[in-house]
Amino acid sequence: MSEPLLEIDAFIRANTRIAAPPLVPEVRMHLADDAVALWEMTEATLEKIGLPPPFWAFAWAGGQALARYVLEHPEIVRGKRVWDVGAGGGLLAIAASLAGASEAHAFDIDPFATHAARLNAALSGAAVQAWTRDVVGAPSDADVILVGDLCYERDTAARLIAWLQVANAAETLLGDPGRTYLPKSGLARLAEYDVPTIRTIEDADLKRTGIWRL
């Protein structure tokens, strides 16, 4: 590995432990043991070393719920090319691979997330290709696009939904626990899950989380 990649690898391994997301015990991931400490550390060092917020170190409610749905309905992805957009630690791509996707791609703009997704896929025996790339707005060759918990910020959500509407995938699914900028129309709810969460991050022990088809 190159020196920057070695530093990313060392940071991930030093600041996480291997665990299964509560709603998706089939998957093992590098997850933050002390969520607040990791978040505060990255904020404190952000300007000094350019470290992005560690979204990849947590199994967010939307991602857990959608991963659970994919594993319970493998026909959605079986034999198909799947994109996990804003993948973080790659939970949705991993679930898609385990459910029989012919290709599972994890896309994130953060190189820490990309490397974490590769590590996590290896832990779970999943075939995942992880890319440090902003694909929102780019042409898509995906049969299925999966999005977990990306409607937390107005501009991000607006740009995402506008792209998903023209991305031309046969199936587009979102997992979302009612974030502020989830669209109020144009979505069909397929299922709901109560997802165990980290109170210090979510201010709740459980999040009622919907699975939505665009």
N, C-alpha and C. Protein backbone atom coordinates (compact mmCIF):
# COMPACT_ATOMS: atom_id res chain seq x y z
N MET A 1 0.84 -1.19 0.00
CA MET A 1 0.00 0.00 0.00
C MET A 1 0.88 1.25 0.00
N SER A 2 0.39 2.32 -0.63
CA SER A 2 1.10 3.58 -0.60
C SER A 2 1.07 4.16 0.81
N GLU A 3 1.92 5.17 1.08
CA GLU A 3 1.98 5.75 2.43
C GLU A 3 0.64 6.36 2.86
N PRO A 4 -0.04 7.16 2.01
CA PRO A 4 -1.35 7.68 2.44
C PRO A 4 -2.35 6.57 2.75
N LEU A 5 -2.34 5.51 1.96
CA LEU A 5 -3.27 4.41 2.20
C LEU A 5 -2.92 3.67 3.48
N LEU A 6 -1.63 3.54 3.77
CA LEU A 6 -1.21 2.92 5.02
C LEU A 6 -1.69 3.74 6.21
N GLU A 7 -1.65 5.07 6.09
CA GLU A 7 -2.12 5.93 7.17
C GLU A 7 -3.63 5.78 7.37
N ILE A 8 -4.37 5.71 6.28
CA ILE A 8 -5.82 5.51 6.37
C ILE A 8 -6.13 4.17 7.02
N ASP A 9 -5.43 3.14 6.57
CA ASP A 9 -5.64 1.80 7.11
C ASP A 9 -5.35 1.78 8.61
N ALA A 10 -4.25 2.40 9.01
CA ALA A 10 -3.87 2.41 10.42
C ALA A 10 -4.89 3.17 11.25
N PHE A 11 -5.40 4.29 10.72
CA PHE A 11 -6.40 5.08 11.46
C PHE A 11 -7.67 4.28 11.67
N ILE A 12 -8.14 3.61 10.63
CA ILE A 12 -9.38 2.83 10.74
C ILE A 12 -9.21 1.71 11.76
N ARG A 13 -8.13 0.99 11.68
CA ARG A 13 -7.93 -0.14 12.58
C ARG A 13 -7.74 0.32 14.03
N ALA A 14 -7.11 1.48 14.22
CA ALA A 14 -6.83 1.97 15.57
C ALA A 14 -8.07 2.54 16.25
N ASN A 15 -9.05 2.98 15.48
CA ASN A 15 -10.17 3.71 16.06
C ASN A 15 -11.52 3.00 15.91
N THR A 16 -11.48 1.74 15.56
CA THR A 16 -12.71 0.96 15.43
C THR A 16 -12.50 -0.42 16.03
N ARG A 17 -13.61 -1.13 16.19
CA ARG A 17 -13.53 -2.55 16.52
C ARG A 17 -14.41 -3.30 15.52
N ILE A 18 -14.16 -4.56 15.37
CA ILE A 18 -14.95 -5.36 14.44
C ILE A 18 -16.22 -5.80 15.14
N ALA A 19 -17.36 -5.45 14.54
CA ALA A 19 -18.66 -5.76 15.14
C ALA A 19 -19.69 -5.89 14.04
N ALA A 20 -20.85 -6.43 14.40
CA ALA A 20 -21.97 -6.55 13.47
C ALA A 20 -22.99 -5.46 13.77
N PRO A 21 -23.51 -4.77 12.75
CA PRO A 21 -24.61 -3.84 12.99
C PRO A 21 -25.78 -4.59 13.62
N PRO A 22 -26.48 -4.00 14.59
CA PRO A 22 -27.52 -4.74 15.32
C PRO A 22 -28.58 -5.38 14.44
N LEU A 23 -29.00 -4.70 13.37
CA LEU A 23 -30.07 -5.23 12.54
C LEU A 23 -29.56 -6.14 11.43
N VAL A 24 -28.23 -6.20 11.27
CA VAL A 24 -27.65 -6.97 10.16
C VAL A 24 -26.51 -7.84 10.71
N PRO A 25 -26.83 -8.85 11.50
CA PRO A 25 -25.77 -9.66 12.13
C PRO A 25 -24.96 -10.48 11.14
N GLU A 26 -25.43 -10.61 9.90
CA GLU A 26 -24.68 -11.36 8.89
C GLU A 26 -23.40 -10.63 8.47
N VAL A 27 -23.33 -9.34 8.74
CA VAL A 27 -22.24 -8.50 8.24
C VAL A 27 -21.33 -8.09 9.39
N ARG A 28 -20.02 -8.13 9.15
CA ARG A 28 -19.04 -7.65 10.12
C ARG A 28 -18.34 -6.43 9.54
N MET A 29 -18.16 -5.42 10.41
CA MET A 29 -17.62 -4.15 9.95
C MET A 29 -16.68 -3.56 10.99
N HIS A 30 -15.83 -2.65 10.52
CA HIS A 30 -15.03 -1.82 11.43
C HIS A 30 -15.92 -0.65 11.86
N LEU A 31 -16.36 -0.66 13.11
CA LEU A 31 -17.28 0.35 13.63
C LEU A 31 -16.66 1.05 14.83
N ALA A 32 -17.02 2.32 15.01
CA ALA A 32 -16.49 3.09 16.13
C ALA A 32 -17.06 2.56 17.43
N ASP A 33 -16.19 2.28 18.36
CA ASP A 33 -16.61 1.82 19.69
C ASP A 33 -17.07 3.00 20.54
N ASP A 34 -16.33 4.11 20.46
CA ASP A 34 -16.68 5.33 21.17
C ASP A 34 -17.01 6.39 20.13
N ALA A 35 -18.29 6.49 19.78
CA ALA A 35 -18.71 7.35 18.67
C ALA A 35 -18.35 8.81 18.91
N VAL A 36 -18.62 9.28 20.10
CA VAL A 36 -18.39 10.70 20.39
C VAL A 36 -16.91 11.03 20.34
N ALA A 37 -16.08 10.18 20.94
CA ALA A 37 -14.64 10.44 20.96
C ALA A 37 -14.07 10.49 19.55
N LEU A 38 -14.48 9.55 18.69
CA LEU A 38 -13.97 9.55 17.33
C LEU A 38 -14.42 10.80 16.59
N TRP A 39 -15.69 11.16 16.74
CA TRP A 39 -16.21 12.34 16.04
C TRP A 39 -15.48 13.60 16.50
N GLU A 40 -15.30 13.74 17.81
CA GLU A 40 -14.61 14.92 18.34
C GLU A 40 -13.16 14.95 17.89
N MET A 41 -12.51 13.80 17.82
CA MET A 41 -11.13 13.76 17.39
C MET A 41 -11.00 14.19 15.94
N THR A 42 -11.90 13.73 15.09
CA THR A 42 -11.80 14.10 13.68
C THR A 42 -12.11 15.57 13.48
N GLU A 43 -13.05 16.12 14.26
CA GLU A 43 -13.33 17.55 14.16
C GLU A 43 -12.11 18.37 14.60
N ALA A 44 -11.44 17.91 15.66
CA ALA A 44 -10.29 18.65 16.19
C ALA A 44 -9.12 18.63 15.23
N THR A 45 -8.99 17.57 14.45
CA THR A 45 -7.84 17.43 13.56
C THR A 45 -8.18 17.73 12.10
N LEU A 46 -9.43 18.11 11.85
CA LEU A 46 -9.89 18.29 10.47
C LEU A 46 -9.02 19.29 9.70
N GLU A 47 -8.81 20.48 10.28
CA GLU A 47 -8.06 21.49 9.56
C GLU A 47 -6.59 21.11 9.42
N LYS A 48 -6.07 20.39 10.41
CA LYS A 48 -4.64 20.07 10.41
C LYS A 48 -4.29 19.02 9.37
N ILE A 49 -5.08 17.96 9.27
CA ILE A 49 -4.70 16.86 8.37
C ILE A 49 -5.76 16.57 7.30
N GLY A 50 -6.82 17.39 7.27
CA GLY A 50 -7.82 17.21 6.23
C GLY A 50 -8.64 15.96 6.39
N LEU A 51 -8.91 15.56 7.62
CA LEU A 51 -9.67 14.33 7.88
C LEU A 51 -11.17 14.60 7.79
N PRO A 52 -11.89 13.92 6.91
CA PRO A 52 -13.33 14.15 6.79
C PRO A 52 -14.08 13.58 8.00
N PRO A 53 -15.32 14.05 8.25
CA PRO A 53 -16.12 13.45 9.31
C PRO A 53 -16.28 11.95 9.08
N PRO A 54 -16.22 11.14 10.13
CA PRO A 54 -16.15 9.68 9.96
C PRO A 54 -17.52 9.02 9.81
N PHE A 55 -18.26 9.43 8.79
CA PHE A 55 -19.58 8.82 8.57
C PHE A 55 -19.46 7.31 8.35
N TRP A 56 -18.32 6.87 7.82
CA TRP A 56 -18.09 5.46 7.51
C TRP A 56 -18.00 4.59 8.76
N ALA A 57 -17.79 5.18 9.93
CA ALA A 57 -17.52 4.41 11.14
C ALA A 57 -18.78 4.01 11.90
N PHE A 58 -19.95 4.33 11.35
CA PHE A 58 -21.21 4.04 12.03
C PHE A 58 -22.16 3.35 11.06
N ALA A 59 -22.96 2.45 11.59
CA ALA A 59 -24.00 1.80 10.79
C ALA A 59 -25.29 2.59 11.00
N TRP A 60 -25.53 3.56 10.13
CA TRP A 60 -26.67 4.46 10.28
C TRP A 60 -27.98 3.72 10.06
N ALA A 61 -29.04 4.26 10.64
CA ALA A 61 -30.34 3.57 10.63
C ALA A 61 -30.83 3.26 9.22
N GLY A 62 -30.74 4.22 8.33
CA GLY A 62 -31.22 3.98 6.97
C GLY A 62 -30.47 2.87 6.27
N GLY A 63 -29.17 2.83 6.45
CA GLY A 63 -28.38 1.77 5.83
C GLY A 63 -28.68 0.41 6.43
N GLN A 64 -28.82 0.35 7.76
CA GLN A 64 -29.14 -0.93 8.38
C GLN A 64 -30.48 -1.47 7.90
N ALA A 65 -31.47 -0.60 7.87
CA ALA A 65 -32.81 -1.05 7.47
C ALA A 65 -32.82 -1.53 6.01
N LEU A 66 -32.17 -0.78 5.14
CA LEU A 66 -32.18 -1.18 3.73
C LEU A 66 -31.35 -2.44 3.50
N ALA A 67 -30.25 -2.59 4.22
CA ALA A 67 -29.47 -3.82 4.12
C ALA A 67 -30.30 -5.02 4.57
N ARG A 68 -31.04 -4.86 5.66
CA ARG A 68 -31.92 -5.93 6.15
C ARG A 68 -32.97 -6.28 5.09
N TYR A 69 -33.53 -5.26 4.46
CA TYR A 69 -34.56 -5.48 3.44
C TYR A 69 -33.98 -6.24 2.25
N VAL A 70 -32.79 -5.86 1.82
CA VAL A 70 -32.14 -6.53 0.68
C VAL A 70 -31.87 -8.00 1.01
N LEU A 71 -31.38 -8.27 2.20
CA LEU A 71 -31.09 -9.65 2.58
C LEU A 71 -32.37 -10.47 2.71
N GLU A 72 -33.47 -9.84 3.09
CA GLU A 72 -34.75 -10.55 3.19
C GLU A 72 -35.45 -10.69 1.85
N HIS A 73 -35.05 -9.89 0.86
CA HIS A 73 -35.64 -9.92 -0.48
C HIS A 73 -34.53 -9.99 -1.52
N PRO A 74 -33.76 -11.07 -1.53
CA PRO A 74 -32.58 -11.13 -2.41
C PRO A 74 -32.91 -11.04 -3.89
N GLU A 75 -34.17 -11.34 -4.25
CA GLU A 75 -34.53 -11.25 -5.67
C GLU A 75 -34.37 -9.84 -6.22
N ILE A 76 -34.36 -8.83 -5.36
CA ILE A 76 -34.19 -7.44 -5.80
C ILE A 76 -32.84 -7.23 -6.47
N VAL A 77 -31.82 -7.92 -5.97
CA VAL A 77 -30.46 -7.67 -6.46
C VAL A 77 -29.82 -8.89 -7.12
N ARG A 78 -30.41 -10.05 -6.99
CA ARG A 78 -29.77 -11.27 -7.48
C ARG A 78 -29.47 -11.19 -8.98
N GLY A 79 -28.20 -11.41 -9.32
CA GLY A 79 -27.78 -11.40 -10.71
C GLY A 79 -27.71 -10.02 -11.34
N LYS A 80 -27.78 -8.96 -10.52
CA LYS A 80 -27.84 -7.59 -11.05
C LYS A 80 -26.63 -6.78 -10.63
N ARG A 81 -26.41 -5.69 -11.38
CA ARG A 81 -25.34 -4.75 -11.07
C ARG A 81 -25.90 -3.71 -10.11
N VAL A 82 -25.31 -3.61 -8.93
CA VAL A 82 -25.84 -2.77 -7.85
C VAL A 82 -24.86 -1.68 -7.50
N TRP A 83 -25.37 -0.46 -7.35
CA TRP A 83 -24.59 0.67 -6.86
C TRP A 83 -25.07 1.05 -5.47
N ASP A 84 -24.12 1.16 -4.54
CA ASP A 84 -24.37 1.71 -3.20
C ASP A 84 -23.78 3.11 -3.22
N VAL A 85 -24.66 4.12 -3.21
CA VAL A 85 -24.24 5.51 -3.40
C VAL A 85 -24.18 6.23 -2.05
N GLY A 86 -23.05 6.93 -1.81
CA GLY A 86 -22.81 7.48 -0.48
C GLY A 86 -22.63 6.36 0.50
N ALA A 87 -21.74 5.43 0.14
CA ALA A 87 -21.72 4.10 0.75
C ALA A 87 -21.19 4.07 2.18
N GLY A 88 -20.41 5.07 2.58
CA GLY A 88 -19.80 4.97 3.90
C GLY A 88 -18.97 3.70 3.99
N GLY A 89 -19.22 2.90 5.01
CA GLY A 89 -18.49 1.65 5.19
C GLY A 89 -18.93 0.52 4.29
N GLY A 90 -19.83 0.78 3.34
CA GLY A 90 -20.18 -0.21 2.32
C GLY A 90 -21.22 -1.24 2.72
N LEU A 91 -22.01 -0.95 3.74
CA LEU A 91 -22.97 -1.94 4.24
C LEU A 91 -23.93 -2.41 3.16
N LEU A 92 -24.46 -1.50 2.37
CA LEU A 92 -25.45 -1.88 1.36
C LEU A 92 -24.82 -2.69 0.23
N ALA A 93 -23.63 -2.31 -0.18
CA ALA A 93 -22.94 -3.08 -1.22
C ALA A 93 -22.63 -4.49 -0.71
N ILE A 94 -22.22 -4.59 0.55
CA ILE A 94 -21.95 -5.90 1.13
C ILE A 94 -23.21 -6.75 1.17
N ALA A 95 -24.31 -6.16 1.63
CA ALA A 95 -25.58 -6.89 1.67
C ALA A 95 -26.00 -7.35 0.28
N ALA A 96 -25.81 -6.47 -0.72
CA ALA A 96 -26.17 -6.83 -2.10
C ALA A 96 -25.33 -8.01 -2.59
N SER A 97 -24.05 -7.97 -2.30
CA SER A 97 -23.18 -9.08 -2.70
C SER A 97 -23.60 -10.38 -2.03
N LEU A 98 -23.86 -10.33 -0.73
CA LEU A 98 -24.28 -11.54 -0.01
C LEU A 98 -25.62 -12.06 -0.52
N ALA A 99 -26.45 -11.15 -1.05
CA ALA A 99 -27.76 -11.55 -1.56
C ALA A 99 -27.70 -12.01 -3.02
N GLY A 100 -26.52 -12.01 -3.62
CA GLY A 100 -26.38 -12.59 -4.95
C GLY A 100 -26.22 -11.62 -6.10
N ALA A 101 -25.91 -10.35 -5.83
CA ALA A 101 -25.68 -9.41 -6.92
C ALA A 101 -24.52 -9.87 -7.78
N SER A 102 -24.63 -9.67 -9.09
CA SER A 102 -23.52 -10.03 -9.98
C SER A 102 -22.35 -9.08 -9.81
N GLU A 103 -22.64 -7.82 -9.51
CA GLU A 103 -21.62 -6.82 -9.20
C GLU A 103 -22.17 -5.92 -8.10
N ALA A 104 -21.33 -5.59 -7.13
CA ALA A 104 -21.71 -4.68 -6.06
C ALA A 104 -20.64 -3.60 -5.97
N HIS A 105 -21.04 -2.35 -6.22
CA HIS A 105 -20.12 -1.23 -6.24
C HIS A 105 -20.47 -0.26 -5.11
N ALA A 106 -19.48 0.12 -4.31
CA ALA A 106 -19.66 1.09 -3.23
C ALA A 106 -18.97 2.39 -3.63
N PHE A 107 -19.74 3.48 -3.69
CA PHE A 107 -19.20 4.78 -4.08
C PHE A 107 -19.28 5.76 -2.92
N ASP A 108 -18.18 6.44 -2.64
CA ASP A 108 -18.17 7.49 -1.63
C ASP A 108 -17.08 8.49 -2.00
N ILE A 109 -17.26 9.74 -1.58
CA ILE A 109 -16.27 10.77 -1.90
C ILE A 109 -15.11 10.77 -0.91
N ASP A 110 -15.22 10.00 0.16
CA ASP A 110 -14.22 9.99 1.23
C ASP A 110 -13.32 8.76 1.08
N PRO A 111 -12.00 8.95 0.91
CA PRO A 111 -11.12 7.79 0.77
C PRO A 111 -11.08 6.90 2.02
N PHE A 112 -11.37 7.47 3.19
CA PHE A 112 -11.46 6.64 4.39
C PHE A 112 -12.64 5.68 4.26
N ALA A 113 -13.77 6.17 3.76
CA ALA A 113 -14.94 5.32 3.56
C ALA A 113 -14.64 4.22 2.55
N THR A 114 -13.98 4.59 1.46
CA THR A 114 -13.66 3.60 0.44
C THR A 114 -12.81 2.48 0.99
N HIS A 115 -11.79 2.84 1.76
CA HIS A 115 -10.92 1.81 2.33
C HIS A 115 -11.67 0.99 3.37
N ALA A 116 -12.49 1.65 4.19
CA ALA A 116 -13.29 0.92 5.17
C ALA A 116 -14.22 -0.07 4.48
N ALA A 117 -14.81 0.33 3.37
CA ALA A 117 -15.71 -0.57 2.64
C ALA A 117 -14.96 -1.81 2.16
N ARG A 118 -13.73 -1.63 1.70
CA ARG A 118 -12.94 -2.79 1.25
C ARG A 118 -12.62 -3.71 2.42
N LEU A 119 -12.21 -3.13 3.55
CA LEU A 119 -11.92 -3.93 4.73
C LEU A 119 -13.17 -4.68 5.20
N ASN A 120 -14.30 -3.98 5.22
CA ASN A 120 -15.54 -4.59 5.69
C ASN A 120 -16.01 -5.70 4.76
N ALA A 121 -15.87 -5.49 3.47
CA ALA A 121 -16.26 -6.53 2.51
C ALA A 121 -15.44 -7.80 2.73
N ALA A 122 -14.15 -7.62 2.98
CA ALA A 122 -13.29 -8.78 3.23
C ALA A 122 -13.71 -9.51 4.49
N LEU A 123 -14.06 -8.76 5.53
CA LEU A 123 -14.51 -9.39 6.77
C LEU A 123 -15.74 -10.25 6.57
N SER A 124 -16.62 -9.81 5.68
CA SER A 124 -17.89 -10.50 5.46
C SER A 124 -17.87 -11.47 4.29
N GLY A 125 -16.71 -11.61 3.64
CA GLY A 125 -16.63 -12.51 2.50
C GLY A 125 -17.46 -12.05 1.32
N ALA A 126 -17.57 -10.74 1.15
CA ALA A 126 -18.40 -10.18 0.07
C ALA A 126 -17.51 -9.66 -1.05
N ALA A 127 -17.99 -9.80 -2.26
CA ALA A 127 -17.28 -9.28 -3.44
C ALA A 127 -17.78 -7.88 -3.73
N VAL A 128 -17.03 -6.88 -3.29
CA VAL A 128 -17.43 -5.47 -3.44
C VAL A 128 -16.29 -4.70 -4.07
N GLN A 129 -16.61 -3.89 -5.05
CA GLN A 129 -15.65 -2.94 -5.60
C GLN A 129 -15.96 -1.57 -5.02
N ALA A 130 -14.99 -0.95 -4.36
CA ALA A 130 -15.20 0.34 -3.70
C ALA A 130 -14.42 1.42 -4.44
N TRP A 131 -15.10 2.56 -4.65
CA TRP A 131 -14.54 3.63 -5.46
C TRP A 131 -14.67 4.96 -4.73
N THR A 132 -13.58 5.74 -4.73
CA THR A 132 -13.64 7.10 -4.20
C THR A 132 -14.05 8.01 -5.35
N ARG A 133 -15.36 8.23 -5.44
CA ARG A 133 -15.89 8.93 -6.62
C ARG A 133 -17.26 9.51 -6.30
N ASP A 134 -17.51 10.71 -6.79
CA ASP A 134 -18.84 11.31 -6.70
C ASP A 134 -19.60 10.94 -7.96
N VAL A 135 -20.52 10.00 -7.84
CA VAL A 135 -21.25 9.54 -9.02
C VAL A 135 -22.59 10.26 -9.20
N VAL A 136 -22.98 11.07 -8.23
CA VAL A 136 -24.24 11.79 -8.35
C VAL A 136 -24.12 12.80 -9.49
N GLY A 137 -24.96 12.63 -10.50
CA GLY A 137 -24.89 13.46 -11.69
C GLY A 137 -24.21 12.78 -12.86
N ALA A 138 -23.54 11.65 -12.60
CA ALA A 138 -22.82 10.93 -13.65
C ALA A 138 -23.73 9.88 -14.29
N PRO A 139 -23.41 9.44 -15.51
CA PRO A 139 -24.18 8.34 -16.12
C PRO A 139 -24.07 7.08 -15.27
N SER A 140 -25.16 6.33 -15.22
CA SER A 140 -25.19 5.11 -14.41
C SER A 140 -25.49 3.90 -15.29
N ASP A 141 -24.77 2.81 -15.02
CA ASP A 141 -25.09 1.54 -15.67
C ASP A 141 -25.64 0.54 -14.66
N ALA A 142 -26.12 1.05 -13.53
CA ALA A 142 -26.63 0.18 -12.47
C ALA A 142 -28.02 -0.34 -12.82
N ASP A 143 -28.26 -1.60 -12.46
CA ASP A 143 -29.62 -2.13 -12.51
C ASP A 143 -30.40 -1.71 -11.26
N VAL A 144 -29.69 -1.64 -10.14
CA VAL A 144 -30.31 -1.28 -8.86
C VAL A 144 -29.41 -0.26 -8.17
N ILE A 145 -30.01 0.82 -7.67
CA ILE A 145 -29.29 1.81 -6.89
C ILE A 145 -29.84 1.80 -5.46
N LEU A 146 -28.95 1.67 -4.50
CA LEU A 146 -29.32 1.65 -3.09
C LEU A 146 -28.72 2.88 -2.40
N VAL A 147 -29.54 3.55 -1.58
CA VAL A 147 -29.10 4.76 -0.89
C VAL A 147 -29.54 4.67 0.56
N GLY A 148 -28.60 4.76 1.47
CA GLY A 148 -28.92 4.70 2.89
C GLY A 148 -28.63 6.01 3.59
N ASP A 149 -29.69 6.69 4.06
CA ASP A 149 -29.54 7.80 4.99
C ASP A 149 -28.74 8.97 4.42
N LEU A 150 -29.08 9.43 3.23
CA LEU A 150 -28.38 10.57 2.64
C LEU A 150 -29.22 11.84 2.58
N CYS A 151 -30.40 11.84 3.19
CA CYS A 151 -31.28 13.01 3.11
C CYS A 151 -31.20 13.87 4.36
N TYR A 152 -30.00 13.98 4.92
CA TYR A 152 -29.80 14.72 6.16
C TYR A 152 -29.45 16.20 5.91
N GLU A 153 -29.12 16.57 4.68
CA GLU A 153 -28.71 17.93 4.37
C GLU A 153 -29.41 18.35 3.08
N ARG A 154 -29.91 19.60 3.06
CA ARG A 154 -30.82 20.02 1.99
C ARG A 154 -30.21 19.92 0.60
N ASP A 155 -29.05 20.51 0.39
CA ASP A 155 -28.46 20.53 -0.94
C ASP A 155 -28.07 19.13 -1.39
N THR A 156 -27.53 18.34 -0.47
CA THR A 156 -27.16 16.96 -0.80
C THR A 156 -28.38 16.16 -1.24
N ALA A 157 -29.47 16.29 -0.47
CA ALA A 157 -30.68 15.54 -0.79
C ALA A 157 -31.28 15.98 -2.12
N ALA A 158 -31.33 17.28 -2.36
CA ALA A 158 -31.91 17.79 -3.60
C ALA A 158 -31.12 17.31 -4.82
N ARG A 159 -29.80 17.38 -4.71
CA ARG A 159 -28.95 16.93 -5.82
C ARG A 159 -29.09 15.43 -6.04
N LEU A 160 -29.15 14.67 -4.96
CA LEU A 160 -29.29 13.22 -5.05
C LEU A 160 -30.59 12.83 -5.72
N ILE A 161 -31.71 13.37 -5.22
CA ILE A 161 -33.02 12.97 -5.75
C ILE A 161 -33.16 13.37 -7.21
N ALA A 162 -32.67 14.55 -7.58
CA ALA A 162 -32.74 14.98 -8.99
C ALA A 162 -31.99 13.99 -9.88
N TRP A 163 -30.84 13.52 -9.41
CA TRP A 163 -30.07 12.55 -10.20
C TRP A 163 -30.76 11.19 -10.24
N LEU A 164 -31.27 10.72 -9.11
CA LEU A 164 -31.92 9.42 -9.07
C LEU A 164 -33.10 9.36 -10.03
N GLN A 165 -33.78 10.48 -10.21
CA GLN A 165 -34.95 10.51 -11.08
C GLN A 165 -34.61 10.30 -12.55
N VAL A 166 -33.34 10.52 -12.91
CA VAL A 166 -32.94 10.35 -14.31
C VAL A 166 -31.84 9.30 -14.46
N ALA A 167 -31.49 8.61 -13.37
CA ALA A 167 -30.35 7.68 -13.41
C ALA A 167 -30.66 6.41 -14.17
N ASN A 168 -31.93 6.14 -14.44
CA ASN A 168 -32.33 5.07 -15.35
C ASN A 168 -32.10 3.67 -14.80
N ALA A 169 -32.02 3.52 -13.47
CA ALA A 169 -31.94 2.18 -12.88
C ALA A 169 -33.33 1.58 -12.84
N ALA A 170 -33.41 0.26 -13.00
CA ALA A 170 -34.70 -0.41 -12.97
C ALA A 170 -35.33 -0.32 -11.57
N GLU A 171 -34.49 -0.25 -10.56
CA GLU A 171 -34.96 -0.21 -9.17
C GLU A 171 -34.09 0.76 -8.39
N THR A 172 -34.72 1.69 -7.67
CA THR A 172 -34.01 2.62 -6.80
C THR A 172 -34.66 2.59 -5.44
N LEU A 173 -33.89 2.21 -4.41
CA LEU A 173 -34.42 2.07 -3.06
C LEU A 173 -33.64 2.94 -2.09
N LEU A 174 -34.37 3.58 -1.19
CA LEU A 174 -33.77 4.40 -0.15
C LEU A 174 -34.17 3.87 1.22
N GLY A 175 -33.22 3.87 2.15
CA GLY A 175 -33.52 3.62 3.55
C GLY A 175 -33.37 4.93 4.30
N ASP A 176 -34.40 5.33 5.04
CA ASP A 176 -34.36 6.64 5.70
C ASP A 176 -35.24 6.64 6.94
N PRO A 177 -34.71 7.15 8.07
CA PRO A 177 -35.48 7.18 9.31
C PRO A 177 -36.25 8.48 9.52
N GLY A 178 -36.61 9.14 8.42
CA GLY A 178 -37.35 10.39 8.54
C GLY A 178 -36.47 11.61 8.65
N ARG A 179 -35.34 11.60 7.95
CA ARG A 179 -34.48 12.77 7.93
C ARG A 179 -35.24 13.96 7.34
N THR A 180 -34.80 15.14 7.69
CA THR A 180 -35.54 16.36 7.37
C THR A 180 -35.79 16.53 5.88
N TYR A 181 -34.83 16.14 5.05
CA TYR A 181 -34.94 16.44 3.63
C TYR A 181 -35.31 15.23 2.77
N LEU A 182 -35.84 14.19 3.40
CA LEU A 182 -36.44 13.12 2.61
C LEU A 182 -37.63 13.70 1.85
N PRO A 183 -37.74 13.48 0.53
CA PRO A 183 -38.86 14.06 -0.22
C PRO A 183 -40.21 13.64 0.34
N LYS A 184 -41.16 14.56 0.27
CA LYS A 184 -42.51 14.29 0.78
C LYS A 184 -43.41 13.65 -0.28
N SER A 185 -42.92 13.56 -1.52
CA SER A 185 -43.70 12.94 -2.59
C SER A 185 -42.75 12.21 -3.52
N GLY A 186 -43.31 11.36 -4.37
CA GLY A 186 -42.51 10.63 -5.34
C GLY A 186 -41.88 9.37 -4.80
N LEU A 187 -42.24 8.98 -3.57
CA LEU A 187 -41.70 7.77 -2.96
C LEU A 187 -42.83 6.86 -2.53
N ALA A 188 -42.62 5.56 -2.65
CA ALA A 188 -43.57 4.56 -2.16
C ALA A 188 -42.91 3.78 -1.03
N ARG A 189 -43.57 3.73 0.13
CA ARG A 189 -43.00 3.01 1.27
C ARG A 189 -43.26 1.52 1.12
N LEU A 190 -42.18 0.72 1.22
CA LEU A 190 -42.27 -0.72 1.06
C LEU A 190 -42.27 -1.47 2.39
N ALA A 191 -41.59 -0.91 3.39
CA ALA A 191 -41.44 -1.61 4.67
C ALA A 191 -40.96 -0.63 5.72
N GLU A 192 -41.01 -1.06 6.98
CA GLU A 192 -40.46 -0.29 8.09
C GLU A 192 -39.75 -1.22 9.06
N TYR A 193 -38.71 -0.70 9.68
CA TYR A 193 -37.96 -1.45 10.69
C TYR A 193 -37.67 -0.54 11.88
N ASP A 194 -37.65 -1.13 13.07
CA ASP A 194 -37.13 -0.43 14.24
C ASP A 194 -35.65 -0.77 14.35
N VAL A 195 -34.80 0.24 14.17
CA VAL A 195 -33.36 0.02 14.09
C VAL A 195 -32.68 0.48 15.38
N PRO A 196 -31.96 -0.40 16.08
CA PRO A 196 -31.17 0.04 17.23
C PRO A 196 -30.11 1.05 16.79
N THR A 197 -29.99 2.14 17.54
CA THR A 197 -29.06 3.20 17.18
C THR A 197 -28.22 3.59 18.39
N ILE A 198 -27.25 4.47 18.15
CA ILE A 198 -26.38 4.97 19.21
C ILE A 198 -26.96 6.28 19.73
N ARG A 199 -27.34 6.31 21.00
CA ARG A 199 -28.02 7.49 21.55
C ARG A 199 -27.16 8.74 21.44
N THR A 200 -25.85 8.61 21.61
CA THR A 200 -25.00 9.79 21.55
C THR A 200 -24.92 10.40 20.15
N ILE A 201 -25.29 9.62 19.14
CA ILE A 201 -25.31 10.12 17.76
C ILE A 201 -26.72 10.49 17.33
N GLU A 202 -27.70 9.67 17.67
CA GLU A 202 -29.06 9.84 17.17
C GLU A 202 -30.04 10.40 18.20
N ASP A 203 -29.63 10.54 19.45
CA ASP A 203 -30.54 10.97 20.52
C ASP A 203 -31.72 10.02 20.70
N ALA A 204 -31.53 8.77 20.37
CA ALA A 204 -32.58 7.76 20.53
C ALA A 204 -31.93 6.38 20.52
N ASP A 205 -32.59 5.42 21.17
CA ASP A 205 -32.10 4.05 21.17
C ASP A 205 -32.64 3.25 19.99
N LEU A 206 -33.77 3.69 19.45
CA LEU A 206 -34.38 3.05 18.29
C LEU A 206 -34.84 4.12 17.31
N LYS A 207 -34.70 3.84 16.03
CA LYS A 207 -35.21 4.72 14.99
C LYS A 207 -36.15 3.92 14.09
N ARG A 208 -37.41 4.36 13.99
CA ARG A 208 -38.35 3.78 13.04
C ARG A 208 -37.93 4.22 11.65
N THR A 209 -37.58 3.25 10.81
CA THR A 209 -36.92 3.57 9.55
C THR A 209 -37.67 2.95 8.38
N GLY A 210 -37.92 3.76 7.37
CA GLY A 210 -38.67 3.31 6.21
C GLY A 210 -37.79 2.88 5.06
N ILE A 211 -38.30 1.94 4.27
CA ILE A 211 -37.72 1.54 2.99
C ILE A 211 -38.60 2.12 1.89
N TRP A 212 -37.99 2.91 1.03
CA TRP A 212 -38.75 3.65 0.03
C TRP A 212 -38.28 3.31 -1.38
N ARG A 213 -39.25 3.17 -2.28
CA ARG A 213 -38.93 3.01 -3.71
C ARG A 213 -39.19 4.34 -4.40
N LEU A 214 -38.20 4.81 -5.16
CA LEU A 214 -38.37 6.06 -5.92
C LEU A 214 -39.32 5.81 -7.08
